[in-house]
Structure formats: C-alpha cells, structure tokens
Protein backbone atom coordinates (compact mmCIF):
# COMPACT_ATOMS: atom_id res chain seq x y z
CA MET A 1 0.00 0.00 0.00
CA ALA A 2 1.28 3.45 -0.81
CA SER A 3 2.53 5.39 2.16
CA VAL A 4 0.13 8.22 1.43
CA LEU A 5 -3.54 7.58 0.75
CA LEU A 6 -4.92 10.77 -0.77
CA LEU A 7 -8.68 10.72 -0.58
CA ALA A 8 -9.61 14.17 -1.82
CA ALA A 9 -7.97 17.18 -3.33
CA CYS A 10 -6.96 19.91 -0.95
CA GLY A 11 -9.49 22.74 -0.80
CA GLY A 12 -11.29 25.10 1.53
CA GLY A 13 -10.99 28.59 2.83
CA GLY A 14 -7.97 30.72 3.32
CA GLY A 15 -6.69 32.82 6.18
CA ASP A 16 -3.41 34.46 7.00
CA ASP A 17 -0.92 32.69 9.21
CA SER A 18 -0.83 34.15 12.70
CA SER A 19 2.38 35.24 14.32
CA GLY A 20 3.73 36.39 17.65
CA GLY A 21 1.92 36.33 20.95
CA ALA A 22 2.85 34.67 24.20
CA ALA A 23 1.29 31.43 25.34
CA SER A 24 -0.75 31.19 28.54
CA THR A 25 -2.33 28.23 30.33
CA SER A 26 -5.24 28.04 32.75
CA GLY A 27 -7.14 25.23 34.43
CA SER A 28 -10.81 24.49 33.69
CA ASN A 29 -13.40 21.89 34.63
CA SER A 30 -13.00 20.25 31.23
CA GLY A 31 -9.20 20.12 31.36
CA THR A 32 -6.38 22.41 30.41
CA THR A 33 -6.96 25.40 28.16
CA THR A 34 -3.90 26.84 26.41
CA GLN A 35 -3.76 30.06 24.40
CA THR A 36 -1.05 30.18 21.70
CA SER A 37 -1.23 33.29 19.52
CA GLN A 38 -4.67 33.11 17.86
CA VAL A 39 -5.17 29.39 18.54
CA THR A 40 -6.69 28.09 21.78
CA VAL A 41 -6.23 24.47 22.88
CA GLN A 42 -8.82 22.68 25.00
CA GLY A 43 -7.50 19.50 26.58
CA SER A 44 -4.01 18.08 26.88
CA ALA A 45 -1.89 15.13 25.79
CA VAL A 46 1.70 13.98 26.02
CA ALA A 47 3.81 14.23 22.89
CA VAL A 48 3.80 11.46 20.29
CA THR A 49 7.53 11.10 19.63
CA ALA A 50 7.57 8.70 16.67
CA ASP A 51 9.18 9.59 13.35
CA PRO A 52 7.65 8.97 10.90
CA LEU A 53 4.12 9.49 12.18
CA ALA A 54 0.80 8.08 11.13
CA VAL A 55 -1.47 11.07 10.41
CA MET A 56 -5.11 11.20 9.37
CA TYR A 57 -7.01 14.41 8.62
CA MET A 58 -10.49 15.30 7.40
CA GLY A 59 -11.69 18.82 6.67
CA PRO A 60 -14.98 20.31 7.92
CA ASN A 61 -17.06 19.49 4.83
CA GLY A 62 -17.05 15.70 5.09
CA SER A 63 -19.44 13.48 3.17
CA SER A 64 -21.00 10.20 4.26
CA SER A 65 -21.31 9.04 0.65
CA THR A 66 -18.11 9.91 -1.19
CA LEU A 67 -14.38 10.13 -0.57
CA PHE A 68 -13.65 12.49 -3.41
CA GLY A 69 -14.59 16.14 -3.67
CA SER A 70 -13.49 19.56 -2.48
CA ASN A 71 -13.10 18.51 1.15
CA PRO A 72 -9.47 17.67 1.99
CA MET A 73 -9.00 14.21 3.47
CA SER A 74 -5.78 12.25 3.66
CA SER A 75 -4.05 9.47 5.54
CA SER A 76 -0.34 8.66 5.71
CA ARG A 77 1.63 6.12 7.71
CA SER A 78 4.97 7.75 6.86
CA ALA A 79 4.49 11.46 7.57
CA ALA A 80 7.67 13.23 8.66
CA ALA A 81 7.38 14.45 12.25
CA SER A 82 9.23 17.64 11.31
CA SER A 83 6.44 18.52 8.85
CA GLN A 84 3.75 18.57 11.57
CA THR A 85 3.33 21.50 13.97
CA ALA A 86 2.60 20.29 17.49
CA ILE A 87 1.60 22.57 20.36
CA ALA A 88 3.36 22.14 23.67
CA GLY A 89 1.05 20.37 26.10
CA GLY A 90 -1.00 18.72 23.36
CA GLY A 91 -2.67 19.42 20.05
CA TYR A 92 -1.57 20.09 16.47
CA ARG A 93 -2.11 23.30 14.54
CA ALA A 94 -0.57 22.28 11.20
CA LEU A 95 -0.48 18.94 9.36
CA ASN A 96 1.39 18.07 6.18
CA ILE A 97 0.28 14.76 4.68
CA GLY A 98 1.55 14.19 1.18
CA SER A 99 -0.14 16.77 -1.05
CA VAL A 100 -2.56 17.85 1.71
CA ALA A 101 -1.11 20.65 3.87
CA VAL A 102 -3.43 22.40 6.32
CA THR A 103 -2.89 24.98 9.06
CA LEU A 104 -5.28 26.32 11.68
CA THR A 105 -4.39 30.01 11.92
CA GLN A 106 -7.29 31.15 14.08
CA GLY A 107 -9.66 29.15 16.23
CA THR A 108 -9.70 26.32 18.75
CA VAL A 109 -8.09 22.89 18.90
CA ALA A 110 -10.75 21.11 20.95
CA ASP A 111 -11.16 17.66 22.49
CA VAL A 112 -7.39 17.11 22.68
CA SER A 113 -6.49 13.83 24.37
CA GLY A 114 -4.14 10.91 23.96
CA THR A 115 -1.13 8.98 25.15
CA ALA A 116 2.45 8.55 23.97
CA ASP A 117 0.99 6.40 21.17
CA TYR A 118 -1.69 8.73 19.76
CA GLN A 119 -3.45 12.08 19.86
CA VAL A 120 -6.91 13.10 18.68
CA GLY A 121 -8.17 16.63 18.17
CA ARG A 122 -10.83 18.78 16.50
CA TRP A 123 -10.24 22.16 14.88
CA THR A 124 -13.27 24.39 15.34
CA ASN A 125 -14.61 27.95 15.51
CA GLY A 126 -11.99 29.39 13.18
CA GLN A 127 -10.24 29.10 9.84
CA GLY A 128 -6.85 28.53 8.30
CA GLN A 129 -4.76 27.81 5.27
CA ASN A 130 -6.67 25.24 3.19
CA VAL A 131 -9.17 25.04 6.06
CA ALA A 132 -12.70 26.32 5.44
CA THR A 133 -14.21 28.71 7.97
CA MET A 134 -15.88 26.75 10.78
CA SER A 135 -18.41 27.72 13.44
CA ALA A 136 -18.31 26.38 17.00
CA ASN A 137 -20.73 23.66 15.84
CA GLN A 138 -18.42 22.40 13.08
CA GLY A 139 -14.99 20.80 12.98
CA ALA A 140 -12.01 19.44 11.10
CA TYR A 141 -10.59 16.25 12.56
CA TYR A 142 -7.23 14.55 12.98
CA VAL A 143 -5.53 11.53 14.51
CA VAL A 144 -1.74 11.48 14.95
CA GLY A 145 0.08 8.41 16.24
CA LYS A 146 2.86 5.87 16.08
CA PRO A 147 2.38 3.67 12.99
CA LEU A 148 2.22 -0.01 13.90
CA THR A 149 2.44 -2.92 11.46
CA LEU A 150 0.21 -5.96 11.92
CA VAL A 151 1.01 -9.17 10.05
CA ALA A 152 -1.77 -11.59 9.13
CA ASN A 153 -1.71 -14.69 11.34
CA SER A 154 -2.69 -17.94 9.63
CA ASN A 155 -3.63 -19.38 13.01
CA GLY A 156 -6.53 -16.96 13.17
CA GLY A 157 -7.95 -15.30 16.24
CA THR A 158 -9.53 -11.93 16.86
CA PHE A 159 -8.57 -8.61 18.39
CA THR A 160 -11.38 -7.04 20.41
CA CYS A 161 -11.34 -3.24 20.59
CA SER A 162 -13.03 -0.55 22.67
CA LEU A 163 -12.98 3.24 22.77
CA ALA A 164 -9.80 4.84 24.09
CA GLY A 165 -10.19 8.47 23.01
CA ALA A 166 -12.40 10.54 20.74
CA THR A 167 -13.48 13.98 19.68
CA LYS A 168 -17.04 15.22 19.83
CA PRO A 169 -18.87 14.50 16.57
CA THR A 170 -20.22 17.54 14.73
CA ALA A 171 -22.79 18.00 11.99
CA VAL A 172 -21.27 19.23 8.73
CA SER A 173 -24.16 21.70 8.46
CA GLY A 174 -23.35 23.23 11.84
CA THR A 175 -27.05 23.43 12.68
CA VAL A 176 -26.80 21.51 15.98
CA ALA A 177 -24.36 21.59 18.89
CA PRO A 178 -21.50 19.07 18.98
CA GLY A 179 -22.57 15.65 20.16
CA THR A 180 -20.94 12.69 21.91
CA LEU A 181 -19.38 9.48 20.66
CA THR A 182 -20.81 7.33 23.43
CA ALA A 183 -19.19 4.05 22.39
CA ALA A 184 -16.93 2.55 19.75
CA THR A 185 -16.16 -1.13 19.39
CA ALA A 186 -14.40 -3.24 16.80
CA THR A 187 -13.16 -6.72 16.07
CA ILE A 188 -10.13 -7.36 13.86
CA ASP A 189 -9.74 -10.78 12.27
CA LYS A 190 -6.07 -11.67 12.75
CA SER A 191 -6.00 -13.89 9.65
CA THR A 192 -7.50 -11.35 7.23
CA LEU A 193 -6.84 -8.06 9.07
CA ILE A 194 -10.42 -7.05 8.34
CA ALA A 195 -12.12 -4.93 10.98
CA THR A 196 -15.81 -4.69 11.84
CA ILE A 197 -16.38 -1.33 13.51
CA THR A 198 -19.48 -0.07 15.33
CA LEU A 199 -19.87 3.55 16.43
CA THR A 200 -22.63 4.72 18.79
CA TYR A 201 -23.25 8.45 18.97
CA SER A 202 -25.71 11.12 20.02
CA ILE A 203 -26.11 14.52 18.33
CA GLY A 204 -29.16 16.75 18.06
CA ALA A 205 -32.29 14.61 17.68
CA ASP A 206 -30.15 11.55 16.84
CA GLN A 207 -29.74 9.91 20.24
CA GLY A 208 -28.08 6.50 20.58
CA ALA A 209 -27.62 6.16 16.83
CA THR A 210 -25.32 3.39 15.60
CA GLN A 211 -23.32 2.72 12.45
CA THR A 212 -21.42 -0.46 11.59
CA LYS A 213 -18.85 -0.85 8.84
CA THR A 214 -16.55 -3.69 7.79
CA MET A 215 -13.26 -2.68 6.19
CA SER A 216 -9.60 -3.60 5.91
CA ILE A 217 -7.23 -1.95 8.35
CA ASN A 218 -5.07 0.92 7.07
CA SER A 219 -7.58 1.72 4.36
CA PHE A 220 -10.69 3.72 3.56
CA SER A 221 -14.26 2.65 2.95
CA ALA A 222 -17.32 4.45 1.56
CA GLY A 223 -20.91 3.25 1.26
CA SER A 224 -24.04 2.41 3.24
CA GLY A 225 -24.20 5.85 4.82
CA ALA A 226 -20.65 6.04 6.16
CA VAL A 227 -17.13 7.00 5.14
CA MET A 228 -14.34 5.74 7.39
CA VAL A 229 -10.55 5.82 7.24
CA SER A 230 -8.54 3.56 9.55
CA SER A 231 -4.90 3.28 10.60
CA VAL A 232 -3.26 0.90 13.08
CA LEU A 233 -1.25 2.67 15.79
CA GLY A 234 0.70 1.84 18.92
CA SER A 235 3.87 0.29 20.30
CA ASP A 236 2.81 -3.34 20.87
CA ALA A 237 1.53 -5.59 18.06
CA THR A 238 -0.23 -7.75 20.65
CA LYS A 239 -2.19 -4.70 21.88
CA PRO A 240 -2.69 -2.50 18.81
CA MET A 241 -4.77 0.66 18.57
CA LEU A 242 -7.09 1.53 15.69
CA GLY A 243 -7.32 5.18 14.64
CA LEU A 244 -10.43 6.35 12.79
CA ILE A 245 -11.79 9.42 11.07
CA TYR A 246 -15.36 9.21 9.85
CA THR A 247 -18.44 10.87 8.42
CA LEU A 248 -21.77 9.17 9.14
CA LYS A 249 -25.27 9.87 7.84
CA ALA A 250 -27.37 10.79 10.89
CA SER A 251 -31.11 10.58 10.31
CA SER A 252 -31.91 14.08 11.57
CA SER A 253 -28.57 15.91 11.87
CA GLY A 254 -27.27 14.86 8.46
CA ASP A 255 -23.62 14.15 7.70
CA THR A 256 -21.74 13.97 11.02
CA SER A 257 -17.96 13.73 11.37
CA GLY A 258 -15.41 12.93 14.06
CA SER A 259 -12.24 11.08 14.98
CA ALA A 260 -11.53 8.31 17.47
CA VAL A 261 -8.95 5.78 18.61
CA LEU A 262 -9.80 2.29 19.84
CA SER A 263 -7.62 0.12 22.06
CA CYS A 264 -7.44 -3.57 21.11
CA GLN A 265 -6.30 -6.80 22.71
C-alpha cells in the first residue's frame, strides 16, 4: 500500500498565518486550556515522539457518501514528524500529509487527548490555510500516532477493541451543537486483518444512533451511509490501537464527522 492515501484534493478557505503572541495556560473543569497566539487548545496530551508518524485528517465538509470532492481528506503512515506542527502540552495546529497541507491560523483545537501512542483533536470555531471557515458547531478532525504494522496470522484469532479516546462529533451543516461518541467497538480478524467497527453516537435529535462498517485496516471505505478511514497505531503488536476518522449519515442531523482511537487486545 502506498505510504500516502490521498482521498480528496486539498481545498477550503484561506486565512493568513498568525504570528507572535505569548502562550498562557489556565485550568478548567474540562481540562487544560492553552492560548497560543490566535489558537486556543482545550485539553491536553503527552507528545507522540515517533518519526515517521501516522497522520489522518479530514476537513470540515465531510461526506458520508463519497471520498472524493473539495473537502481535503488524507491518511499517511509515513508522515515526517518535522512537517507537523505540534503545540506544547497537546494538540496540532498544522499537518502536512503528502499533497494535503493544512494549518489552523485562528480558532480552537478542541477535544485534545491521547497517550504517547496517539493524539486526537478537532479544529473548530476558526479558519486557516486550506481550512474552510468553521463555526463552533463544526470541525475538522485529525488523529496522529505511532504507525504499527500488523502481520496476518494464519492461526486466526480476533482482536477485540473498545474506545480509548475521541473527539465530539459535529454535523457538517453546523445546525446543531457538537454531540458525543458514546461508544466505539471493533473486532479485527487476525487472519485477514479485516475490521468490523461499530460507532454509537448522540447529536441533536439523533440519540443513541449506531453505524457499523466492515473494512480492511489501514484503508478507507465508503458506502451504506458512512465514510471511514482507519490506521493501526501503537507500540505493541499484541495490543494495537485503531485510529479512525469518519463521516456518518445521521437521520436528523445529516452528515456527522469525528475522529476516534480504539484500544485492542
């Protein structure tokens, strides 16, 4: 498989790069909030120190039916760490994935969480270079982590996965407040490396909605009301992690996007 999986041409709104400004940090009930120039970070995570990195990104205009269009979406398992702009204390404000290069110049990096193996985050309420203008009810999503290789095992067996970290899902339309990814589970067949993934989420009038998709790991899949991109992450092939970015077709809220990481064993 090619190291870079380009799913859509880079597009979206502009915005001048911000400069200068001191950083400040304050505590809040929802975690740490950090102000860096014109970008605010909500949440925190330790640094992912791998090089290269596995990076997945999806812009704010995701589609549940197609991978190709004006919305930038890309996944790489060999992205140079030096080409990504991390924020001290957690979060990324610029990602360079093959021919997709995006920078948040003004706004918020929300829902930041992770471990030494991965980070998730959501850009929102702002704009950037090759990033369309977003309201507080919209978002662009990323997962950054240590790429991990799984080898098919002829003896079979199954990895069982559960939710480790996630961003809030948002409606592409921005007409409802961000929701919650209440659960995420998956099984990975060790002999075929095919994953069956189920996401349970609530947003707007769509409460407890579920979506299931079967797909190969380290790939993308479109159809049946969902687009998903997956990448295996972590440091231990016996306990891998599965990174996801997705857009699902919610009955009432319409196309709904987010990112998540599942822990498997």
